[in-house]
Amino acid sequence: MLQEPAYQACVSWLFARFPSYQNLGAEAYKPGLERVHELLELLQIDPQKLPSIHIAGTNGKGSTAAYCASLLQESGLKVGLFTSPHIFDFSERIRVNGCAITPKYVIDFCERFQNLHSTIDASFFELTFAMALAYFQEQACDYIVIETGLGGRLDATNVLEPKVSVITSIALDHQEFLGDTLTAIAVEKAGIIKSQTPVVIGEKSEATQLVFEERAAVLKAPIYFSENENAPIENLPLSGYQATNFKTALLALKVIGFDILPQTQIAALENLRSNTGFFGRFETWQHAPKIILDVSHNPAGIAATLPLIEKQCAGQLFILYGAAKDKDAKEILDLFPKEAQVAACVFSNQRSKSVADWHELGVKTIFEDLPSAIKQIEKQMQPPDLLWIAGSFFLLSDLPSQKKIF
């Protein structure tokens, strides 16, 4: 994308003017729906104008959102997709049939909001969500797929009255906001369930099942668990949690009337990148030597990805891990195999753990930037070896520029 100065100025203004979780972390978190309602009313945006699919979950919600959007697009629909955070550029958050929001629209929207001289104390995410809705309406999308930011019940996106709600999985993450047990976190995620609106649960567990069933019963919402469904996806190029997320997406579409044909499923996977900008989820970034990128960044995500990584590695496993300073990385470090060569990497976002932070955690090999880390590790690798770059989205943001794909 051509980074014209006016567009860059608008993006910089958004990050500077509105608290951004991407840059500030916890201090930017603003739960509640009052500001969103005020914002949408001020901008004359109707959140119910377009049929929507609303997706929450600790892990897998971005993948499930991408699968839903790609499946709908391959079914002939015009689809808006709202996800976060972005990896390389702000525009990745808002897409229509895979095409990122135009710089001109971002500029026009920001100028329109500035001219209203609003006193609404919105967050970056709230204003970005409003921008997405406005763009999707202007583009006359047939369907929109919306990923929550953080949580569910008090997330800005929860003003939607979707055709189906989806909750992918529940794990311990963001406990300072959502609670320190799986049950407490499930209560927050269950907040997206709406009256008489079907809800699809991607992962069944003893700690959360009753929460979802009770909430659905109160709201008379039909509830479906994807593991109870027989979706013939054995011949698709999917494994582990990817297969679970795809099956969840298929079920979500099925309950609202889309029976996706096998050839459409194949096309949705083959064209996933162009349809959605999908990137960084168990992705082979380089073949010789093999480098896999994955944004698993909490213990549950790492534990789910590790067996898939080990299956792909025929030699020495190298792991390059990056984490935000507010993340407890010790539990994840303990999950890595003892025989793996583990290194930590500082990333350029201000929320990164520092070299000193990694030293305190006992990490012996620490790199101060990702491009240097990749070069140094590649020198040590033999043909059967594998490098797994894991952790924060912000670590992937520092990938060498010549290999960026957007």
Protein backbone atom coordinates (compact mmCIF):
# COMPACT_ATOMS: atom_id res chain seq x y z
CA MET A 1 0.00 0.00 0.00
CA LEU A 2 1.28 3.48 -0.87
CA GLN A 3 1.88 5.19 2.46
CA GLU A 4 0.88 8.72 1.54
CA PRO A 5 1.76 11.39 4.14
CA ALA A 6 -1.87 12.38 4.79
CA TYR A 7 -2.81 8.77 5.55
CA GLN A 8 0.17 8.29 7.83
CA ALA A 9 -0.71 11.54 9.61
CA CYS A 10 -4.25 10.26 10.24
CA VAL A 11 -3.03 6.93 11.59
CA SER A 12 -0.55 8.74 13.83
CA TRP A 13 -3.37 11.00 15.03
CA LEU A 14 -5.55 7.99 15.85
CA PHE A 15 -2.81 6.40 17.95
CA ALA A 16 -1.86 9.69 19.63
CA ARG A 17 -5.36 11.05 20.26
CA PHE A 18 -7.07 7.86 21.42
CA PRO A 19 -5.77 5.37 24.00
CA SER A 20 -4.55 2.29 22.10
CA TYR A 21 -4.16 -1.11 23.74
CA GLN A 22 -1.71 -1.98 20.96
CA ASN A 23 0.71 0.70 22.22
CA LEU A 24 -0.17 1.20 25.88
CA GLY A 25 -1.56 -2.09 27.11
CA ALA A 26 -3.75 -2.14 30.22
CA GLU A 27 -3.99 1.62 30.70
CA ALA A 28 -5.78 1.94 27.34
CA TYR A 29 -8.49 -0.61 28.17
CA LYS A 30 -11.90 1.05 28.34
CA PRO A 31 -14.70 -1.45 28.94
CA GLY A 32 -18.34 -0.54 28.47
CA LEU A 33 -20.74 0.24 25.64
CA GLU A 34 -21.91 3.76 26.51
CA ARG A 35 -19.21 5.55 24.50
CA VAL A 36 -19.74 3.28 21.49
CA HIS A 37 -23.47 4.01 21.42
CA GLU A 38 -22.75 7.75 21.66
CA LEU A 39 -20.12 7.54 18.95
CA LEU A 40 -22.32 5.63 16.51
CA GLU A 41 -25.21 8.00 17.15
CA LEU A 42 -22.97 11.02 16.58
CA LEU A 43 -21.66 9.57 13.33
CA GLN A 44 -25.12 8.32 12.28
CA ILE A 45 -23.93 4.74 11.91
CA ASP A 46 -26.46 1.94 12.35
CA PRO A 47 -24.63 -1.15 13.71
CA GLN A 48 -27.56 -3.35 12.70
CA LYS A 49 -27.75 -2.23 9.09
CA LEU A 50 -25.72 -5.18 7.79
CA PRO A 51 -26.10 -8.84 8.81
CA SER A 52 -23.18 -9.82 10.98
CA ILE A 53 -21.27 -12.71 12.52
CA HIS A 54 -19.80 -11.84 15.92
CA ILE A 55 -16.78 -13.82 17.17
CA ALA A 56 -15.18 -13.91 20.63
CA GLY A 57 -12.72 -16.28 22.29
CA THR A 58 -9.31 -16.43 23.90
CA ASN A 59 -7.59 -18.25 21.04
CA GLY A 60 -8.72 -18.88 17.47
CA LYS A 61 -11.11 -15.99 16.98
CA GLY A 62 -8.99 -14.35 14.28
CA SER A 63 -8.62 -17.62 12.39
CA THR A 64 -12.33 -18.43 12.71
CA ALA A 65 -13.24 -14.94 11.51
CA ALA A 66 -10.97 -15.34 8.48
CA TYR A 67 -12.46 -18.74 7.67
CA CYS A 68 -16.02 -17.38 7.92
CA ALA A 69 -15.18 -14.42 5.69
CA SER A 70 -13.41 -16.54 3.07
CA LEU A 71 -16.18 -19.15 2.98
CA LEU A 72 -18.82 -16.44 2.49
CA GLN A 73 -16.77 -14.73 -0.19
CA GLU A 74 -16.27 -17.99 -2.08
CA SER A 75 -20.06 -18.40 -1.86
CA GLY A 76 -20.39 -15.23 -3.93
CA LEU A 77 -20.99 -12.62 -1.21
CA LYS A 78 -19.35 -9.27 -0.58
CA VAL A 79 -17.86 -9.58 2.91
CA GLY A 80 -16.52 -7.05 5.39
CA LEU A 81 -13.96 -8.29 7.92
CA PHE A 82 -12.91 -6.47 11.10
CA THR A 83 -9.99 -7.91 13.09
CA SER A 84 -7.24 -6.74 15.42
CA PRO A 85 -4.47 -6.06 16.07
CA HIS A 86 -2.77 -5.29 12.79
CA ILE A 87 0.71 -6.62 12.07
CA PHE A 88 2.19 -4.26 9.48
CA ASP A 89 -0.34 -1.53 8.75
CA PHE A 90 -3.49 -0.11 10.33
CA SER A 91 -5.52 -0.82 7.17
CA GLU A 92 -5.27 -4.59 7.76
CA ARG A 93 -7.95 -4.28 10.45
CA ILE A 94 -10.71 -3.36 7.99
CA ARG A 95 -11.16 -5.32 4.75
CA VAL A 96 -13.80 -5.92 2.11
CA ASN A 97 -13.30 -9.12 0.10
CA GLY A 98 -9.68 -9.09 1.20
CA CYS A 99 -8.93 -5.53 0.11
CA ALA A 100 -7.79 -3.28 2.93
CA ILE A 101 -9.65 -0.06 3.65
CA THR A 102 -8.43 2.71 1.35
CA PRO A 103 -6.17 5.49 2.62
CA LYS A 104 -8.67 8.01 1.27
CA TYR A 105 -11.48 6.58 3.38
CA VAL A 106 -9.33 6.63 6.52
CA ILE A 107 -8.43 10.26 5.86
CA ASP A 108 -12.04 11.30 5.11
CA PHE A 109 -13.38 9.50 8.19
CA CYS A 110 -10.82 11.09 10.51
CA GLU A 111 -11.49 14.53 9.08
CA ARG A 112 -15.23 14.02 9.45
CA PHE A 113 -14.82 13.06 13.09
CA GLN A 114 -12.44 15.94 13.80
CA ASN A 115 -14.92 18.43 12.34
CA LEU A 116 -17.59 17.25 14.79
CA HIS A 117 -15.45 18.48 17.73
CA SER A 118 -16.75 15.62 19.83
CA THR A 119 -16.10 15.39 23.57
CA ILE A 120 -16.76 11.63 23.62
CA ASP A 121 -13.83 10.02 25.44
CA ALA A 122 -13.54 7.14 22.98
CA SER A 123 -10.74 4.62 22.76
CA PHE A 124 -8.73 3.85 19.64
CA PHE A 125 -10.55 0.53 19.25
CA GLU A 126 -14.00 2.12 19.57
CA LEU A 127 -13.31 4.72 16.89
CA THR A 128 -11.70 2.11 14.64
CA PHE A 129 -14.76 -0.14 15.02
CA ALA A 130 -17.02 2.79 14.09
CA MET A 131 -14.85 3.43 11.04
CA ALA A 132 -15.18 -0.22 10.02
CA LEU A 133 -18.98 -0.18 10.26
CA ALA A 134 -19.18 3.04 8.26
CA TYR A 135 -16.88 1.62 5.58
CA PHE A 136 -18.76 -1.66 5.33
CA GLN A 137 -22.03 0.23 4.91
CA GLU A 138 -20.59 2.48 2.23
CA GLN A 139 -19.26 -0.61 0.44
CA ALA A 140 -22.72 -2.25 0.66
CA CYS A 141 -21.40 -5.51 2.09
CA ASP A 142 -23.73 -8.49 2.07
CA TYR A 143 -22.31 -9.77 5.39
CA ILE A 144 -19.80 -8.55 7.94
CA VAL A 145 -17.60 -10.67 10.19
CA ILE A 146 -16.57 -8.93 13.39
CA GLU A 147 -13.91 -10.10 15.84
CA THR A 148 -14.13 -8.81 19.40
CA GLY A 149 -11.18 -6.93 20.81
CA LEU A 150 -10.87 -8.04 24.41
CA GLY A 151 -13.46 -10.06 26.29
CA GLY A 152 -16.99 -9.89 24.99
CA ARG A 153 -19.64 -8.59 27.39
CA LEU A 154 -18.13 -5.09 27.60
CA ASP A 155 -16.32 -5.09 24.27
CA ALA A 156 -17.11 -2.23 21.91
CA THR A 157 -18.30 -4.66 19.25
CA ASN A 158 -21.03 -6.00 21.53
CA VAL A 159 -23.48 -3.38 20.26
CA LEU A 160 -24.11 -5.78 17.38
CA GLU A 161 -27.23 -7.92 17.07
CA PRO A 162 -25.65 -10.62 14.92
CA LYS A 163 -27.17 -13.46 12.98
CA VAL A 164 -24.93 -15.84 14.94
CA SER A 165 -22.54 -15.46 17.86
CA VAL A 166 -19.38 -17.56 17.98
CA ILE A 167 -17.16 -18.32 20.98
CA THR A 168 -14.04 -20.17 19.88
CA SER A 169 -12.16 -21.22 23.02
CA ILE A 170 -11.53 -20.16 26.61
CA ALA A 171 -8.09 -20.01 28.20
CA LEU A 172 -6.30 -17.91 30.79
CA ASP A 173 -5.34 -14.59 29.21
CA HIS A 174 -5.94 -10.94 30.15
CA GLN A 175 -6.87 -12.11 33.67
CA GLU A 176 -6.54 -8.57 35.02
CA PHE A 177 -9.63 -7.64 33.01
CA LEU A 178 -11.60 -10.84 32.53
CA GLY A 179 -11.06 -12.86 35.71
CA ASP A 180 -8.53 -15.40 36.89
CA THR A 181 -10.50 -18.61 36.27
CA LEU A 182 -11.78 -20.22 33.09
CA THR A 183 -15.33 -19.94 34.42
CA ALA A 184 -14.99 -16.19 35.07
CA ILE A 185 -13.53 -15.61 31.60
CA ALA A 186 -16.31 -17.70 30.05
CA VAL A 187 -18.89 -15.43 31.73
CA GLU A 188 -17.31 -12.41 29.98
CA LYS A 189 -17.19 -14.16 26.61
CA ALA A 190 -20.77 -15.40 27.04
CA GLY A 191 -21.80 -11.76 27.14
CA ILE A 192 -21.95 -11.75 23.34
CA ILE A 193 -24.82 -14.27 23.34
CA LYS A 194 -28.01 -12.49 22.28
CA SER A 195 -31.69 -13.20 22.76
CA GLN A 196 -33.02 -15.94 20.45
CA THR A 197 -29.82 -15.76 18.40
CA PRO A 198 -27.89 -18.97 17.74
CA VAL A 199 -24.49 -19.32 19.40
CA VAL A 200 -21.75 -21.71 18.29
CA ILE A 201 -19.13 -22.87 20.80
CA GLY A 202 -15.84 -23.98 19.27
CA GLU A 203 -14.42 -25.85 22.24
CA LYS A 204 -16.29 -27.83 24.88
CA SER A 205 -14.82 -28.02 28.40
CA GLU A 206 -16.12 -28.86 31.85
CA ALA A 207 -15.09 -25.45 33.20
CA THR A 208 -17.10 -23.47 30.65
CA GLN A 209 -19.88 -25.59 29.16
CA LEU A 210 -22.40 -24.89 31.91
CA VAL A 211 -21.76 -21.15 31.70
CA PHE A 212 -22.63 -21.10 28.02
CA GLU A 213 -25.60 -23.42 28.33
CA GLU A 214 -27.14 -21.45 31.20
CA ARG A 215 -26.67 -18.11 29.45
CA ALA A 216 -28.14 -19.48 26.23
CA ALA A 217 -31.12 -20.94 28.13
CA VAL A 218 -31.88 -17.61 29.81
CA LEU A 219 -31.82 -15.83 26.44
CA LYS A 220 -33.59 -18.65 24.56
CA ALA A 221 -30.59 -18.78 22.23
CA PRO A 222 -30.09 -22.07 20.34
CA ILE A 223 -26.64 -23.39 21.29
CA TYR A 224 -24.38 -25.61 19.20
CA PHE A 225 -21.05 -27.21 20.07
CA SER A 226 -18.82 -27.77 17.06
CA GLU A 227 -17.36 -31.00 18.41
CA ASN A 228 -20.85 -32.50 18.34
CA GLU A 229 -21.09 -31.82 14.61
CA ASN A 230 -19.94 -34.24 11.96
CA ALA A 231 -18.19 -32.03 9.46
CA PRO A 232 -16.25 -34.05 6.86
CA ILE A 233 -13.03 -32.03 6.72
CA GLU A 234 -10.54 -34.92 6.88
CA ASN A 235 -9.32 -34.32 3.33
CA LEU A 236 -8.67 -30.61 3.83
CA PRO A 237 -5.13 -29.32 4.48
CA LEU A 238 -5.83 -28.58 8.15
CA SER A 239 -4.51 -29.93 11.42
CA GLY A 240 -4.91 -29.42 15.15
CA TYR A 241 -6.55 -26.20 16.21
CA GLN A 242 -6.82 -25.03 12.59
CA ALA A 243 -9.20 -27.90 11.87
CA THR A 244 -11.21 -27.03 15.00
CA ASN A 245 -11.52 -23.39 13.96
CA PHE A 246 -12.54 -24.27 10.41
CA LYS A 247 -15.16 -26.69 11.68
CA THR A 248 -16.47 -23.95 13.99
CA ALA A 249 -16.72 -21.54 11.06
CA LEU A 250 -18.60 -24.10 8.96
CA LEU A 251 -21.07 -24.71 11.79
CA ALA A 252 -21.62 -20.98 12.36
CA LEU A 253 -22.51 -20.57 8.69
CA LYS A 254 -24.66 -23.70 8.67
CA VAL A 255 -26.90 -22.50 11.51
CA ILE A 256 -27.68 -19.29 9.60
CA GLY A 257 -28.50 -21.12 6.37
CA PHE A 258 -25.22 -21.51 4.48
CA ASP A 259 -24.50 -25.13 3.59
CA ILE A 260 -20.98 -24.79 2.21
CA LEU A 261 -20.10 -27.24 -0.57
CA PRO A 262 -16.78 -29.16 -0.43
CA GLN A 263 -15.38 -27.38 -3.47
CA THR A 264 -16.21 -24.03 -1.85
CA GLN A 265 -14.40 -25.09 1.32
CA ILE A 266 -11.29 -25.95 -0.69
CA ALA A 267 -11.42 -22.63 -2.54
CA ALA A 268 -11.86 -20.75 0.76
CA LEU A 269 -8.67 -22.31 2.10
CA GLU A 270 -6.68 -21.93 -1.12
CA ASN A 271 -7.63 -18.24 -1.37
CA LEU A 272 -7.56 -17.48 2.35
CA ARG A 273 -4.69 -15.00 2.09
CA SER A 274 -6.16 -13.00 -0.79
CA ASN A 275 -9.69 -13.15 0.67
CA THR A 276 -8.77 -12.05 4.19
CA GLY A 277 -5.12 -11.04 4.51
CA PHE A 278 -4.69 -13.99 6.88
CA PHE A 279 -1.11 -14.11 8.14
CA GLY A 280 1.05 -15.46 10.94
CA ARG A 281 -1.00 -18.43 12.13
CA PHE A 282 1.16 -21.54 11.84
CA GLU A 283 2.51 -20.16 8.61
CA THR A 284 5.53 -21.49 6.74
CA TRP A 285 7.34 -18.24 5.97
CA GLN A 286 10.45 -19.80 4.52
CA HIS A 287 11.32 -23.31 3.34
CA ALA A 288 15.12 -23.48 3.30
CA PRO A 289 15.82 -23.40 6.16
CA LYS A 290 12.27 -23.87 7.38
CA ILE A 291 10.78 -20.98 9.38
CA ILE A 292 7.26 -21.11 10.79
CA LEU A 293 5.48 -18.06 12.15
CA ASP A 294 2.73 -18.32 14.74
CA VAL A 295 1.20 -15.68 16.97
CA SER A 296 0.35 -18.09 19.78
CA HIS A 297 1.06 -15.96 22.84
CA ASN A 298 -0.58 -17.58 25.87
CA PRO A 299 0.05 -21.00 27.44
CA ALA A 300 -3.01 -22.63 25.86
CA GLY A 301 -2.09 -21.38 22.39
CA ILE A 302 1.54 -22.44 22.71
CA ALA A 303 0.55 -25.86 24.05
CA ALA A 304 -1.82 -26.38 21.10
CA THR A 305 0.76 -25.31 18.52
CA LEU A 306 3.81 -27.13 19.89
CA PRO A 307 2.81 -30.66 18.76
CA LEU A 308 2.23 -29.35 15.22
CA ILE A 309 5.66 -27.71 15.25
CA GLU A 310 7.38 -30.84 16.52
CA LYS A 311 5.68 -32.90 13.82
CA GLN A 312 7.18 -30.62 11.14
CA CYS A 313 10.70 -30.62 12.59
CA ALA A 314 13.04 -33.38 11.40
CA GLY A 315 16.13 -31.97 13.10
CA GLN A 316 16.98 -29.36 15.73
CA LEU A 317 14.13 -27.12 16.86
CA PHE A 318 14.99 -23.45 17.29
CA ILE A 319 12.43 -21.21 19.04
CA LEU A 320 12.48 -17.42 18.91
CA TYR A 321 9.98 -16.00 21.35
CA GLY A 322 8.80 -12.44 21.96
CA ALA A 323 6.35 -11.16 24.57
CA ALA A 324 4.89 -7.94 25.90
CA LYS A 325 6.20 -6.72 29.26
CA ASP A 326 2.82 -7.25 30.91
CA LYS A 327 2.76 -10.95 29.97
CA ASP A 328 3.88 -13.70 32.35
CA ALA A 329 6.33 -15.45 30.04
CA LYS A 330 7.74 -17.95 32.53
CA GLU A 331 4.89 -20.44 32.10
CA ILE A 332 5.39 -20.39 28.35
CA LEU A 333 9.16 -20.75 28.59
CA ASP A 334 8.58 -23.81 30.76
CA LEU A 335 6.43 -25.36 28.00
CA PHE A 336 9.22 -25.30 25.42
CA PRO A 337 11.03 -28.64 24.97
CA LYS A 338 14.29 -28.89 26.93
CA GLU A 339 16.16 -30.03 23.81
CA ALA A 340 15.05 -26.96 21.80
CA GLN A 341 17.37 -23.99 21.26
CA VAL A 342 15.30 -21.19 22.81
CA ALA A 343 16.03 -17.49 22.37
CA ALA A 344 14.09 -14.36 23.25
CA CYS A 345 13.71 -11.34 21.02
CA VAL A 346 12.93 -7.72 21.87
CA PHE A 347 10.50 -6.05 19.44
CA SER A 348 10.15 -2.39 18.49
CA ASN A 349 6.72 -1.76 20.04
CA GLN A 350 7.08 0.05 23.37
CA ARG A 351 5.28 -2.78 25.17
CA SER A 352 8.10 -5.26 24.53
CA LYS A 353 9.94 -7.01 27.32
CA SER A 354 13.47 -5.63 27.58
CA VAL A 355 16.80 -7.45 27.51
CA ALA A 356 16.89 -7.05 31.28
CA ASP A 357 13.40 -8.59 31.60
CA TRP A 358 14.53 -11.67 29.66
CA HIS A 359 17.71 -11.96 31.71
CA GLU A 360 15.59 -12.00 34.88
CA LEU A 361 13.61 -14.90 33.42
CA GLY A 362 16.81 -16.86 32.90
CA VAL A 363 16.91 -16.68 29.10
CA LYS A 364 20.54 -16.96 27.98
CA THR A 365 20.22 -16.00 24.31
CA ILE A 366 18.53 -12.64 23.72
CA PHE A 367 18.31 -10.68 20.49
CA GLU A 368 17.54 -6.98 20.31
CA ASP A 369 15.79 -7.05 16.93
CA LEU A 370 14.07 -9.66 14.77
CA PRO A 371 15.99 -9.33 11.47
CA SER A 372 19.32 -9.82 13.26
CA ALA A 373 17.91 -12.72 15.24
CA ILE A 374 16.76 -14.54 12.10
CA LYS A 375 20.15 -14.04 10.39
CA GLN A 376 22.09 -15.30 13.41
CA ILE A 377 19.87 -18.34 13.93
CA GLU A 378 19.89 -19.25 10.23
CA LYS A 379 23.71 -19.49 10.39
CA GLN A 380 23.36 -22.24 12.97
CA MET A 381 20.68 -24.23 11.16
CA GLN A 382 21.10 -27.42 9.14
CA PRO A 383 18.65 -28.48 6.34
CA PRO A 384 16.36 -30.60 8.59
CA ASP A 385 16.17 -27.95 11.33
CA LEU A 386 13.18 -25.67 11.99
CA LEU A 387 12.89 -22.18 13.43
CA TRP A 388 9.58 -21.36 15.15
CA ILE A 389 9.02 -17.62 15.62
CA ALA A 390 6.29 -17.39 18.26
CA GLY A 391 4.57 -14.99 20.59
CA SER A 392 3.30 -11.47 20.18
CA PHE A 393 1.78 -10.02 17.02
CA PHE A 394 4.22 -7.16 17.60
CA LEU A 395 7.19 -9.46 17.10
CA LEU A 396 5.95 -10.35 13.61
CA SER A 397 5.53 -6.63 12.89
CA ASP A 398 9.33 -6.43 12.86
CA LEU A 399 9.81 -8.99 10.08
CA PRO A 400 12.35 -7.87 7.47
CA SER A 401 10.59 -5.38 5.21
CA GLN A 402 11.47 -7.13 1.95
CA LYS A 403 9.39 -10.12 3.05
CA LYS A 404 6.27 -8.25 4.10
CA ILE A 405 3.29 -9.46 2.16
CA PHE A 406 0.84 -6.58 2.44
